PDB file of N, CA and C in Angstrom:
ATOM      1  N   MET A   1     -34.584-112.338 -32.474  1.00  0.00           N
ATOM      2  CA  MET A   1     -33.234-112.861 -32.307  1.00  0.00           C
ATOM      3  C   MET A   1     -32.768-113.457 -33.629  1.00  0.00           C
ATOM      4  N   ILE A   2     -31.522-113.304 -33.918  1.00  0.00           N
ATOM      5  CA  ILE A   2     -30.945-113.847 -35.142  1.00  0.00           C
ATOM      6  C   ILE A   2     -30.253-115.163 -34.813  1.00  0.00           C
ATOM      7  N   ASP A   3     -30.382-116.117 -35.688  1.00  0.00           N
ATOM      8  CA  ASP A   3     -29.706-117.401 -35.524  1.00  0.00           C
ATOM      9  C   ASP A   3     -28.192-117.195 -35.645  1.00  0.00           C
ATOM     10  N   HIS A   4     -27.436-117.881 -34.840  1.00  0.00           N
ATOM     11  CA  HIS A   4     -25.986-117.743 -34.853  1.00  0.00           C
ATOM     12  C   HIS A   4     -25.317-118.495 -36.008  1.00  0.00           C
ATOM     13  N   LYS A   5     -26.077-119.013 -36.932  1.00  0.00           N
ATOM     14  CA  LYS A   5     -25.493-119.734 -38.061  1.00  0.00           C
ATOM     15  C   LYS A   5     -25.126-118.733 -39.154  1.00  0.00           C
ATOM     16  N   LEU A   6     -23.892-118.324 -39.170  1.00  0.00           N
ATOM     17  CA  LEU A   6     -23.395-117.371 -40.155  1.00  0.00           C
ATOM     18  C   LEU A   6     -22.434-118.096 -41.100  1.00  0.00           C
ATOM     19  N   PRO A   7     -22.413-117.740 -42.380  1.00  0.00           N
ATOM     20  CA  PRO A   7     -21.515-118.415 -43.310  1.00  0.00           C
ATOM     21  C   PRO A   7     -20.044-118.025 -43.145  1.00  0.00           C
ATOM     22  N   TYR A   8     -19.782-116.960 -42.414  1.00  0.00           N
ATOM     23  CA  TYR A   8     -18.405-116.515 -42.163  1.00  0.00           C
ATOM     24  C   TYR A   8     -18.177-116.466 -40.658  1.00  0.00           C
ATOM     25  N   ALA A   9     -16.936-116.358 -40.257  1.00  0.00           N
ATOM     26  CA  ALA A   9     -16.625-116.249 -38.831  1.00  0.00           C
ATOM     27  C   ALA A   9     -17.282-114.990 -38.262  1.00  0.00           C
ATOM     28  N   MET A  10     -17.842-115.097 -37.070  1.00  0.00           N
ATOM     29  CA  MET A  10     -18.539-113.969 -36.468  1.00  0.00           C
ATOM     30  C   MET A  10     -17.644-112.737 -36.359  1.00  0.00           C
ATOM     31  N   ALA A  11     -16.369-112.926 -36.110  1.00  0.00           N
ATOM     32  CA  ALA A  11     -15.439-111.804 -35.969  1.00  0.00           C
ATOM     33  C   ALA A  11     -15.305-110.972 -37.247  1.00  0.00           C
ATOM     34  N   GLU A  12     -15.749-111.523 -38.383  1.00  0.00           N
ATOM     35  CA  GLU A  12     -15.680-110.787 -39.649  1.00  0.00           C
ATOM     36  C   GLU A  12     -16.856-109.833 -39.834  1.00  0.00           C
ATOM     37  N   TYR A  13     -17.874-109.953 -38.977  1.00  0.00           N
ATOM     38  CA  TYR A  13     -19.084-109.146 -39.110  1.00  0.00           C
ATOM     39  C   TYR A  13     -18.996-107.861 -38.290  1.00  0.00           C
ATOM     40  N   GLY A  14     -19.605-106.829 -38.818  1.00  0.00           N
ATOM     41  CA  GLY A  14     -19.786-105.582 -38.096  1.00  0.00           C
ATOM     42  C   GLY A  14     -21.255-105.442 -37.750  1.00  0.00           C
ATOM     43  N   VAL A  15     -21.578-104.377 -37.053  1.00  0.00           N
ATOM     44  CA  VAL A  15     -22.962-104.107 -36.666  1.00  0.00           C
ATOM     45  C   VAL A  15     -23.285-102.669 -37.068  1.00  0.00           C
ATOM     46  N   GLU A  16     -24.410-102.492 -37.748  1.00  0.00           N
ATOM     47  CA  GLU A  16     -24.877-101.153 -38.105  1.00  0.00           C
ATOM     48  C   GLU A  16     -26.271-100.967 -37.526  1.00  0.00           C
ATOM     49  N   ILE A  17     -26.399 -99.952 -36.688  1.00  0.00           N
ATOM     50  CA  ILE A  17     -27.693 -99.616 -36.103  1.00  0.00           C
ATOM     51  C   ILE A  17     -28.041 -98.203 -36.561  1.00  0.00           C
ATOM     52  N   GLU A  18     -29.196 -98.074 -37.164  1.00  0.00           N
ATOM     53  CA  GLU A  18     -29.651 -96.762 -37.626  1.00  0.00           C
ATOM     54  C   GLU A  18     -29.579 -95.785 -36.448  1.00  0.00           C
ATOM     55  N   PRO A  19     -28.786 -94.711 -36.568  1.00  0.00           N
ATOM     56  CA  PRO A  19     -28.584 -93.790 -35.442  1.00  0.00           C
ATOM     57  C   PRO A  19     -29.870 -93.198 -34.868  1.00  0.00           C
ATOM     58  N   THR A  20     -30.884 -92.993 -35.694  1.00  0.00           N
ATOM     59  CA  THR A  20     -32.133 -92.403 -35.196  1.00  0.00           C
ATOM     60  C   THR A  20     -32.908 -93.360 -34.293  1.00  0.00           C
ATOM     61  N   LEU A  21     -32.538 -94.627 -34.277  1.00  0.00           N
ATOM     62  CA  LEU A  21     -33.202 -95.609 -33.418  1.00  0.00           C
ATOM     63  C   LEU A  21     -32.660 -95.619 -31.995  1.00  0.00           C
ATOM     64  N   VAL A  22     -31.416 -95.233 -31.812  1.00  0.00           N
ATOM     65  CA  VAL A  22     -30.718 -95.420 -30.537  1.00  0.00           C
ATOM     66  C   VAL A  22     -31.222 -94.450 -29.470  1.00  0.00           C
ATOM     67  N   LEU A  23     -31.670 -95.017 -28.350  1.00  0.00           N
ATOM     68  CA  LEU A  23     -32.061 -94.219 -27.193  1.00  0.00           C
ATOM     69  C   LEU A  23     -30.924 -94.134 -26.190  1.00  0.00           C
ATOM     70  N   SER A  24     -30.218 -95.253 -25.985  1.00  0.00           N
ATOM     71  CA  SER A  24     -29.084 -95.245 -25.056  1.00  0.00           C
ATOM     72  C   SER A  24     -28.134 -96.392 -25.370  1.00  0.00           C
ATOM     73  N   ARG A  25     -26.898 -96.209 -24.952  1.00  0.00           N
ATOM     74  CA  ARG A  25     -25.851 -97.237 -25.069  1.00  0.00           C
ATOM     75  C   ARG A  25     -25.151 -97.350 -23.725  1.00  0.00           C
ATOM     76  N   HIS A  26     -24.841 -98.581 -23.351  1.00  0.00           N
ATOM     77  CA  HIS A  26     -24.122 -98.815 -22.107  1.00  0.00           C
ATOM     78  C   HIS A  26     -23.038 -99.855 -22.379  1.00  0.00           C
ATOM     79  N   GLU A  27     -21.807 -99.530 -21.998  1.00  0.00           N
ATOM     80  CA  GLU A  27     -20.697-100.479 -22.162  1.00  0.00           C
ATOM     81  C   GLU A  27     -20.233-100.957 -20.797  1.00  0.00           C
ATOM     82  N   GLU A  28     -19.902-102.244 -20.753  1.00  0.00           N
ATOM     83  CA  GLU A  28     -19.428-102.873 -19.519  1.00  0.00           C
ATOM     84  C   GLU A  28     -18.165-103.658 -19.839  1.00  0.00           C
ATOM     85  N   ALA A  29     -17.109-103.397 -19.097  1.00  0.00           N
ATOM     86  CA  ALA A  29     -15.857-104.139 -19.286  1.00  0.00           C
ATOM     87  C   ALA A  29     -16.021-105.548 -18.721  1.00  0.00           C
ATOM     88  N   LEU A  30     -15.561-106.530 -19.488  1.00  0.00           N
ATOM     89  CA  LEU A  30     -15.593-107.926 -19.076  1.00  0.00           C
ATOM     90  C   LEU A  30     -14.161-108.435 -18.944  1.00  0.00           C
ATOM     91  N   PRO A  31     -13.953-109.536 -18.255  1.00  0.00           N
ATOM     92  CA  PRO A  31     -12.602-110.109 -18.134  1.00  0.00           C
ATOM     93  C   PRO A  31     -12.001-110.425 -19.510  1.00  0.00           C
ATOM     94  N   GLY A  32     -10.695-110.382 -19.590  1.00  0.00           N
ATOM     95  CA  GLY A  32      -9.987-110.740 -20.815  1.00  0.00           C
ATOM     96  C   GLY A  32     -10.012-109.661 -21.885  1.00  0.00           C
ATOM     97  N   GLY A  33     -10.367-108.439 -21.515  1.00  0.00           N
ATOM     98  CA  GLY A  33     -10.390-107.354 -22.480  1.00  0.00           C
ATOM     99  C   GLY A  33     -11.658-107.286 -23.320  1.00  0.00           C
ATOM    100  N   TYR A  34     -12.655-108.085 -22.985  1.00  0.00           N
ATOM    101  CA  TYR A  34     -13.916-108.070 -23.724  1.00  0.00           C
ATOM    102  C   TYR A  34     -14.793-106.921 -23.233  1.00  0.00           C
ATOM    103  N   THR A  35     -15.702-106.498 -24.096  1.00  0.00           N
ATOM    104  CA  THR A  35     -16.653-105.441 -23.765  1.00  0.00           C
ATOM    105  C   THR A  35     -18.055-105.900 -24.123  1.00  0.00           C
ATOM    106  N   LYS A  36     -18.973-105.693 -23.198  1.00  0.00           N
ATOM    107  CA  LYS A  36     -20.383-105.975 -23.463  1.00  0.00           C
ATOM    108  C   LYS A  36     -21.070-104.627 -23.681  1.00  0.00           C
ATOM    109  N   GLU A  37     -21.723-104.490 -24.827  1.00  0.00           N
ATOM    110  CA  GLU A  37     -22.416-103.252 -25.174  1.00  0.00           C
ATOM    111  C   GLU A  37     -23.913-103.536 -25.264  1.00  0.00           C
ATOM    112  N   THR A  38     -24.700-102.768 -24.530  1.00  0.00           N
ATOM    113  CA  THR A  38     -26.150-102.888 -24.580  1.00  0.00           C
ATOM    114  C   THR A  38     -26.696-101.626 -25.233  1.00  0.00           C
ATOM    115  N   VAL A  39     -27.467-101.815 -26.298  1.00  0.00           N
ATOM    116  CA  VAL A  39     -28.050-100.694 -27.031  1.00  0.00           C
ATOM    117  C   VAL A  39     -29.569-100.800 -26.919  1.00  0.00           C
ATOM    118  N   VAL A  40     -30.185 -99.778 -26.344  1.00  0.00           N
ATOM    119  CA  VAL A  40     -31.638 -99.718 -26.221  1.00  0.00           C
ATOM    120  C   VAL A  40     -32.138 -98.788 -27.313  1.00  0.00           C
ATOM    121  N   MET A  41     -33.160 -99.263 -28.046  1.00  0.00           N
ATOM    122  CA  MET A  41     -33.649 -98.518 -29.198  1.00  0.00           C
ATOM    123  C   MET A  41     -35.156 -98.314 -29.125  1.00  0.00           C
ATOM    124  N   LYS A  42     -35.653 -97.483 -30.015  1.00  0.00           N
ATOM    125  CA  LYS A  42     -37.095 -97.246 -30.146  1.00  0.00           C
ATOM    126  C   LYS A  42     -37.803 -98.540 -30.522  1.00  0.00           C
ATOM    127  N   TRP A  43     -39.107 -98.558 -30.308  1.00  0.00           N
ATOM    128  CA  TRP A  43     -39.989 -99.669 -30.662  1.00  0.00           C
ATOM    129  C   TRP A  43     -39.615-100.962 -29.946  1.00  0.00           C
ATOM    130  N   GLY A  44     -39.012-100.853 -28.770  1.00  0.00           N
ATOM    131  CA  GLY A  44     -38.704-102.031 -27.981  1.00  0.00           C
ATOM    132  C   GLY A  44     -37.534-102.846 -28.493  1.00  0.00           C
ATOM    133  N   LYS A  45     -36.806-102.301 -29.450  1.00  0.00           N
ATOM    134  CA  LYS A  45     -35.640-103.025 -29.972  1.00  0.00           C
ATOM    135  C   LYS A  45     -34.492-102.908 -28.964  1.00  0.00           C
ATOM    136  N   ARG A  46     -33.702-103.967 -28.887  1.00  0.00           N
ATOM    137  CA  ARG A  46     -32.558-103.976 -27.982  1.00  0.00           C
ATOM    138  C   ARG A  46     -31.499-104.901 -28.558  1.00  0.00           C
ATOM    139  N   ALA A  47     -30.249-104.494 -28.412  1.00  0.00           N
ATOM    140  CA  ALA A  47     -29.134-105.326 -28.865  1.00  0.00           C
ATOM    141  C   ALA A  47     -28.130-105.468 -27.726  1.00  0.00           C
ATOM    142  N   VAL A  48     -27.639-106.683 -27.544  1.00  0.00           N
ATOM    143  CA  VAL A  48     -26.551-106.934 -26.597  1.00  0.00           C
ATOM    144  C   VAL A  48     -25.415-107.536 -27.414  1.00  0.00           C
ATOM    145  N   LEU A  49     -24.301-106.819 -27.459  1.00  0.00           N
ATOM    146  CA  LEU A  49     -23.166-107.202 -28.304  1.00  0.00           C
ATOM    147  C   LEU A  49     -21.941-107.413 -27.436  1.00  0.00           C
ATOM    148  N   THR A  50     -21.149-108.412 -27.762  1.00  0.00           N
ATOM    149  CA  THR A  50     -19.899-108.643 -27.045  1.00  0.00           C
ATOM    150  C   THR A  50     -18.766-108.526 -28.054  1.00  0.00           C
ATOM    151  N   TRP A  51     -17.783-107.703 -27.688  1.00  0.00           N
ATOM    152  CA  TRP A  51     -16.634-107.419 -28.554  1.00  0.00           C
ATOM    153  C   TRP A  51     -15.355-107.871 -27.859  1.00  0.00           C
ATOM    154  N   ASP A  52     -14.376-108.346 -28.645  1.00  0.00           N
ATOM    155  CA  ASP A  52     -13.085-108.693 -28.053  1.00  0.00           C
ATOM    156  C   ASP A  52     -12.224-107.431 -27.936  1.00  0.00           C
ATOM    157  N   SER A  53     -10.998-107.590 -27.478  1.00  0.00           N
ATOM    158  CA  SER A  53     -10.123-106.442 -27.241  1.00  0.00           C
ATOM    159  C   SER A  53      -9.760-105.690 -28.522  1.00  0.00           C
ATOM    160  N   GLU A  54      -9.934-106.331 -29.678  1.00  0.00           N
ATOM    161  CA  GLU A  54      -9.657-105.678 -30.961  1.00  0.00           C
ATOM    162  C   GLU A  54     -10.949-105.219 -31.637  1.00  0.00           C
ATOM    163  N   HIS A  55     -12.016-105.149 -30.868  1.00  0.00           N
ATOM    164  CA  HIS A  55     -13.358-104.738 -31.303  1.00  0.00           C
ATOM    165  C   HIS A  55     -13.888-105.603 -32.452  1.00  0.00           C
ATOM    166  N   ARG A  56     -13.682-106.914 -32.303  1.00  0.00           N
ATOM    167  CA  ARG A  56     -14.296-107.883 -33.220  1.00  0.00           C
ATOM    168  C   ARG A  56     -15.463-108.518 -32.492  1.00  0.00           C
ATOM    169  N   LEU A  57     -16.540-108.706 -33.219  1.00  0.00           N
ATOM    170  CA  LEU A  57     -17.765-109.261 -32.650  1.00  0.00           C
ATOM    171  C   LEU A  57     -17.542-110.712 -32.220  1.00  0.00           C
ATOM    172  N   THR A  58     -17.915-111.026 -30.972  1.00  0.00           N
ATOM    173  CA  THR A  58     -17.783-112.406 -30.490  1.00  0.00           C
ATOM    174  C   THR A  58     -19.132-113.024 -30.147  1.00  0.00           C
ATOM    175  N   ASP A  59     -20.143-112.186 -29.870  1.00  0.00           N
ATOM    176  CA  ASP A  59     -21.477-112.703 -29.564  1.00  0.00           C
ATOM    177  C   ASP A  59     -22.480-111.570 -29.743  1.00  0.00           C
ATOM    178  N   TYR A  60     -23.728-111.943 -30.038  1.00  0.00           N
ATOM    179  CA  TYR A  60     -24.765-110.931 -30.195  1.00  0.00           C
ATOM    180  C   TYR A  60     -26.127-111.518 -29.865  1.00  0.00           C
ATOM    181  N   HIS A  61     -27.022-110.636 -29.468  1.00  0.00           N
ATOM    182  CA  HIS A  61     -28.422-110.993 -29.257  1.00  0.00           C
ATOM    183  C   HIS A  61     -29.248-109.762 -29.597  1.00  0.00           C
ATOM    184  N   PHE A  62     -30.206-109.913 -30.494  1.00  0.00           N
ATOM    185  CA  PHE A  62     -31.092-108.824 -30.873  1.00  0.00           C
ATOM    186  C   PHE A  62     -32.512-109.171 -30.459  1.00  0.00           C
ATOM    187  N   GLU A  63     -33.161-108.258 -29.765  1.00  0.00           N
ATOM    188  CA  GLU A  63     -34.574-108.395 -29.456  1.00  0.00           C
ATOM    189  C   GLU A  63     -35.335-107.515 -30.431  1.00  0.00           C
ATOM    190  N   ARG A  64     -36.329-108.061 -31.056  1.00  0.00           N
ATOM    191  CA  ARG A  64     -37.198-107.336 -31.968  1.00  0.00           C
ATOM    192  C   ARG A  64     -36.562-107.000 -33.302  1.00  0.00           C
ATOM    193  N   GLY A  65     -35.741-107.859 -33.780  1.00  0.00           N
ATOM    194  CA  GLY A  65     -35.375-107.785 -35.173  1.00  0.00           C
ATOM    195  C   GLY A  65     -34.079-107.121 -35.573  1.00  0.00           C
ATOM    196  N   ALA A  66     -33.439-107.798 -36.462  1.00  0.00           N
ATOM    197  CA  ALA A  66     -32.243-107.346 -37.161  1.00  0.00           C
ATOM    198  C   ALA A  66     -32.151-108.241 -38.388  1.00  0.00           C
ATOM    199  N   ARG A  67     -31.367-107.835 -39.337  1.00  0.00           N
ATOM    200  CA  ARG A  67     -31.175-108.701 -40.499  1.00  0.00           C
ATOM    201  C   ARG A  67     -29.682-108.844 -40.772  1.00  0.00           C
ATOM    202  N   ILE A  68     -29.347-109.910 -41.446  1.00  0.00           N
ATOM    203  CA  ILE A  68     -27.945-110.194 -41.761  1.00  0.00           C
ATOM    204  C   ILE A  68     -27.704-109.895 -43.231  1.00  0.00           C
ATOM    205  N   ASP A  69     -26.698-109.107 -43.509  1.00  0.00           N
ATOM    206  CA  ASP A  69     -26.248-108.863 -44.877  1.00  0.00           C
ATOM    207  C   ASP A  69     -24.922-109.614 -45.013  1.00  0.00           C
ATOM    208  N   ASN A  70     -24.976-110.829 -45.564  1.00  0.00           N
ATOM    209  CA  ASN A  70     -23.774-111.654 -45.675  1.00  0.00           C
ATOM    210  C   ASN A  70     -22.823-111.163 -46.758  1.00  0.00           C
ATOM    211  N   VAL A  71     -23.312-110.399 -47.705  1.00  0.00           N
ATOM    212  CA  VAL A  71     -22.433-109.846 -48.739  1.00  0.00           C
ATOM    213  C   VAL A  71     -21.510-108.798 -48.121  1.00  0.00           C
ATOM    214  N   ARG A  72     -22.090-107.909 -47.326  1.00  0.00           N
ATOM    215  CA  ARG A  72     -21.309-106.854 -46.668  1.00  0.00           C
ATOM    216  C   ARG A  72     -20.745-107.301 -45.324  1.00  0.00           C
ATOM    217  N   LYS A  73     -21.159-108.479 -44.845  1.00  0.00           N
ATOM    218  CA  LYS A  73     -20.764-109.018 -43.542  1.00  0.00           C
ATOM    219  C   LYS A  73     -21.112-108.033 -42.423  1.00  0.00           C
ATOM    220  N   VAL A  74     -22.408-107.723 -42.352  1.00  0.00           N
ATOM    221  CA  VAL A  74     -22.870-106.782 -41.344  1.00  0.00           C
ATOM    222  C   VAL A  74     -24.243-107.208 -40.832  1.00  0.00           C
ATOM    223  N   LEU A  75     -24.475-106.971 -39.546  1.00  0.00           N
ATOM    224  CA  LEU A  75     -25.775-107.180 -38.929  1.00  0.00           C
ATOM    225  C   LEU A  75     -26.447-105.812 -38.876  1.00  0.00           C
ATOM    226  N   LEU A  76     -27.640-105.698 -39.441  1.00  0.00           N
ATOM    227  CA  LEU A  76     -28.309-104.407 -39.596  1.00  0.00           C
ATOM    228  C   LEU A  76     -29.553-104.296 -38.731  1.00  0.00           C
ATOM    229  N   VAL A  77     -29.700-103.165 -38.075  1.00  0.00           N
ATOM    230  CA  VAL A  77     -30.922-102.851 -37.353  1.00  0.00           C
ATOM    231  C   VAL A  77     -31.442-101.559 -37.960  1.00  0.00           C
ATOM    232  N   GLU A  78     -32.643-101.637 -38.512  1.00  0.00           N
ATOM    233  CA  GLU A  78     -33.226-100.494 -39.195  1.00  0.00           C
ATOM    234  C   GLU A  78     -34.604-100.215 -38.624  1.00  0.00           C
ATOM    235  N   PRO A  79     -35.129 -99.000 -38.837  1.00  0.00           N
ATOM    236  CA  PRO A  79     -36.490 -98.700 -38.373  1.00  0.00           C
ATOM    237  C   PRO A  79     -37.511 -99.565 -39.092  1.00  0.00           C
ATOM    238  N   PRO A  80     -38.627 -99.830 -38.441  1.00  0.00           N
ATOM    239  CA  PRO A  80     -39.671-100.610 -39.112  1.00  0.00           C
ATOM    240  C   PRO A  80     -40.275 -99.804 -40.268  1.00  0.00           C
ATOM    241  N   GLU A  81     -40.801-100.520 -41.238  1.00  0.00           N
ATOM    242  CA  GLU A  81     -41.481 -99.854 -42.335  1.00  0.00           C
ATOM    243  C   GLU A  81     -42.962 -99.834 -42.004  1.00  0.00           C
ATOM    244  N   PHE A  82     -43.519 -98.649 -41.967  1.00  0.00           N
ATOM    245  CA  PHE A  82     -44.923 -98.501 -41.666  1.00  0.00           C
ATOM    246  C   PHE A  82     -45.705 -98.431 -42.966  1.00  0.00           C
ATOM    247  N   ILE A  83     -46.778 -99.201 -43.032  1.00  0.00           N
ATOM    248  CA  ILE A  83     -47.610 -99.241 -44.234  1.00  0.00           C
ATOM    249  C   ILE A  83     -48.768 -98.259 -44.054  1.00  0.00           C
ATOM    250  N   LYS A  84     -48.871 -97.318 -44.972  1.00  0.00           N
ATOM    251  CA  LYS A  84     -49.962 -96.337 -44.907  1.00  0.00           C
ATOM    252  C   LYS A  84     -51.194 -96.936 -45.571  1.00  0.00           C
ATOM    253  N   LYS A  85     -52.326 -96.757 -44.909  1.00  0.00           N
ATOM    254  CA  LYS A  85     -53.591 -97.265 -45.447  1.00  0.00           C
ATOM    255  C   LYS A  85     -54.412 -96.136 -45.992  1.00  0.00           C
TER     256      LYS A  85
END
């Protein structure tokens, strides 16, 4: 899980998930024009994202890792790096 302490407003951030990780996506309409998106990924990764009616991020929860790129204002989910022995 990522800490919600971001240096910019959450609505300024986007989300990038490596397409090869995604197993399924499910969207659910919420009151007030909000959308809850659940993304299930390989390696037990999961993201639950809430977007407003203008598709600005209002809340997020990542299970099993994501990183924040504050320069690009994006939350990134990438495949794990495997170390060869």
